[in-house]
């Protein structure tokens, strides 16, 4: 699955120069990842109730070109490197087809005691569907 999530840049997202403040890209991609997980049918509230949560372990980011106030952006998210308790989600923020920001986010599954845990079978099946769709 290649997931696309639109976002408009609001005044609150910008700095004094009128460009998107660098940390806000992390907010944008977090929202896009949440929407992709939701689109895959994963209920994170139910997942938490059963003792598991997703947590960001690592982010590698490249700022390529600035976004500005009122820009219409698209966040593209895919999934790869699915392991027993973790996976990576490459993400790119585009404006008019031009990449402005790229990130590789490593996500780990944590169990009830805050330690890495294997993906529960039902969640893994849904994550594998995302991964399989991303390869196509």
Protein backbone atom coordinates (compact mmCIF):
# COMPACT_ATOMS: atom_id res chain seq x y z
CA UNK A 1 0.00 0.00 0.00
CA UNK A 2 1.30 3.40 -0.91
CA UNK A 3 -0.65 5.78 1.26
CA UNK A 4 -1.11 9.46 0.35
CA UNK A 5 -2.28 11.97 2.93
CA UNK A 6 -2.91 15.64 2.04
CA UNK A 7 -2.06 18.51 4.35
CA UNK A 8 -2.20 22.27 3.97
CA UNK A 9 0.44 24.42 5.63
CA UNK A 10 -1.12 26.81 8.12
CA UNK A 11 0.40 29.96 9.57
CA UNK A 12 1.00 28.12 12.87
CA UNK A 13 3.24 25.63 11.01
CA UNK A 14 5.69 28.30 9.89
CA UNK A 15 8.56 30.21 11.45
CA UNK A 16 9.37 33.93 11.20
CA UNK A 17 10.67 33.43 7.66
CA UNK A 18 7.29 32.03 6.58
CA UNK A 19 8.61 28.51 5.94
CA UNK A 20 7.57 25.32 7.69
CA UNK A 21 9.42 24.97 10.98
CA UNK A 22 11.61 21.87 10.69
CA UNK A 23 10.04 19.96 13.61
CA UNK A 24 6.57 20.27 12.07
CA UNK A 25 7.53 17.82 9.32
CA UNK A 26 7.67 15.20 12.07
CA UNK A 27 4.09 16.09 13.04
CA UNK A 28 2.98 15.84 9.41
CA UNK A 29 4.52 12.40 8.90
CA UNK A 30 3.20 11.14 12.25
CA UNK A 31 -0.34 11.98 11.17
CA UNK A 32 0.20 10.28 7.81
CA UNK A 33 1.51 7.10 9.48
CA UNK A 34 -1.50 7.05 11.80
CA UNK A 35 -3.86 7.39 8.84
CA UNK A 36 -2.07 4.60 6.94
CA UNK A 37 -2.35 2.26 9.93
CA UNK A 38 -6.03 3.15 10.25
CA UNK A 39 -6.58 2.53 6.52
CA UNK A 40 -5.01 -0.92 6.95
CA UNK A 41 -7.69 -1.76 9.53
CA UNK A 42 -5.46 -1.63 12.60
CA UNK A 43 -7.29 -0.24 15.62
CA UNK A 44 -4.55 1.19 17.85
CA UNK A 45 -6.95 1.74 20.76
CA UNK A 46 -7.90 -1.96 20.73
CA UNK A 47 -4.25 -2.86 20.25
CA UNK A 48 -3.31 -0.86 23.36
CA UNK A 49 -6.14 -2.50 25.33
CA UNK A 50 -4.58 -5.87 24.51
CA UNK A 51 -1.20 -4.70 25.82
CA UNK A 52 0.64 -3.63 22.65
CA UNK A 53 1.56 -0.24 21.18
CA UNK A 54 3.61 1.07 18.28
CA UNK A 55 6.52 3.35 19.20
CA UNK A 56 8.97 5.26 17.02
CA UNK A 57 12.47 3.93 17.62
CA UNK A 58 14.44 5.94 15.08
CA UNK A 59 13.95 8.69 12.51
CA UNK A 60 16.39 9.54 9.73
CA UNK A 61 15.37 12.77 8.01
CA UNK A 62 16.52 14.84 5.03
CA UNK A 63 15.23 18.36 4.50
CA UNK A 64 15.40 18.98 0.75
CA UNK A 65 13.46 22.19 0.10
CA UNK A 66 11.22 24.42 2.25
CA UNK A 67 7.45 24.31 2.31
CA UNK A 68 5.70 27.64 2.84
CA UNK A 69 2.49 29.04 4.24
CA UNK A 70 -0.64 27.85 2.38
CA UNK A 71 1.20 25.15 0.40
CA UNK A 72 -0.78 22.01 -0.34
CA UNK A 73 1.41 19.02 0.51
CA UNK A 74 1.09 15.28 0.08
CA UNK A 75 2.72 12.87 2.53
CA UNK A 76 3.50 9.53 0.89
CA UNK A 77 4.03 6.58 3.23
CA UNK A 78 5.06 3.02 2.50
CA UNK A 79 6.22 0.11 4.64
CA UNK A 80 9.28 -2.11 4.36
CA UNK A 81 11.74 -4.22 6.37
CA UNK A 82 9.08 -6.04 8.35
CA UNK A 83 10.73 -8.01 11.17
CA UNK A 84 9.38 -9.88 14.19
CA UNK A 85 8.84 -6.82 16.37
CA UNK A 86 9.60 -3.88 14.07
CA UNK A 87 9.25 -2.37 10.62
CA UNK A 88 10.35 0.72 8.71
CA UNK A 89 8.10 3.31 7.12
CA UNK A 90 9.75 5.46 4.44
CA UNK A 91 7.91 8.77 4.04
CA UNK A 92 8.20 11.66 1.61
CA UNK A 93 6.51 15.05 1.70
CA UNK A 94 5.74 16.44 -1.77
CA UNK A 95 4.55 19.77 -3.15
CA UNK A 96 3.37 19.58 -6.76
CA UNK A 97 5.27 16.32 -7.25
CA UNK A 98 8.56 17.71 -5.92
CA UNK A 99 10.05 16.04 -2.83
CA UNK A 100 10.60 18.53 0.02
CA UNK A 101 11.34 16.16 2.90
CA UNK A 102 12.24 12.47 3.20
CA UNK A 103 12.32 10.31 6.31
CA UNK A 104 12.78 6.69 7.25
CA UNK A 105 10.93 5.92 10.46
CA UNK A 106 11.65 2.72 12.38
CA UNK A 107 8.68 1.53 14.40
CA UNK A 108 8.84 -1.07 17.16
CA UNK A 109 6.03 -2.94 18.88
CA UNK A 110 6.12 -2.64 22.66
CA UNK A 111 4.41 -5.05 25.05
CA UNK A 112 2.78 -4.27 28.37
CA UNK A 113 6.14 -3.85 30.16
CA UNK A 114 7.53 -1.38 27.62
CA UNK A 115 9.86 -3.89 25.98
CA UNK A 116 9.97 -4.94 22.34
CA UNK A 117 7.42 -7.66 21.59
CA UNK A 118 6.55 -9.73 18.54
CA UNK A 119 3.64 -8.44 16.53
CA UNK A 120 0.42 -10.25 17.50
CA UNK A 121 -0.68 -12.53 14.65
CA UNK A 122 -3.79 -10.51 13.73
CA UNK A 123 -1.87 -7.22 13.62
CA UNK A 124 1.02 -8.86 11.74
CA UNK A 125 -1.40 -10.07 9.04
CA UNK A 126 -2.63 -6.50 8.50
CA UNK A 127 0.92 -5.09 8.52
CA UNK A 128 1.98 -7.77 6.00
CA UNK A 129 -0.85 -6.62 3.73
CA UNK A 130 0.55 -3.07 3.86
CA UNK A 131 4.04 -4.37 3.15
CA UNK A 132 2.88 -6.57 0.24
CA UNK A 133 0.91 -3.70 -1.28
CA UNK A 134 3.94 -1.37 -0.94
CA UNK A 135 6.09 -3.71 -3.03
CA UNK A 136 3.70 -3.62 -5.97
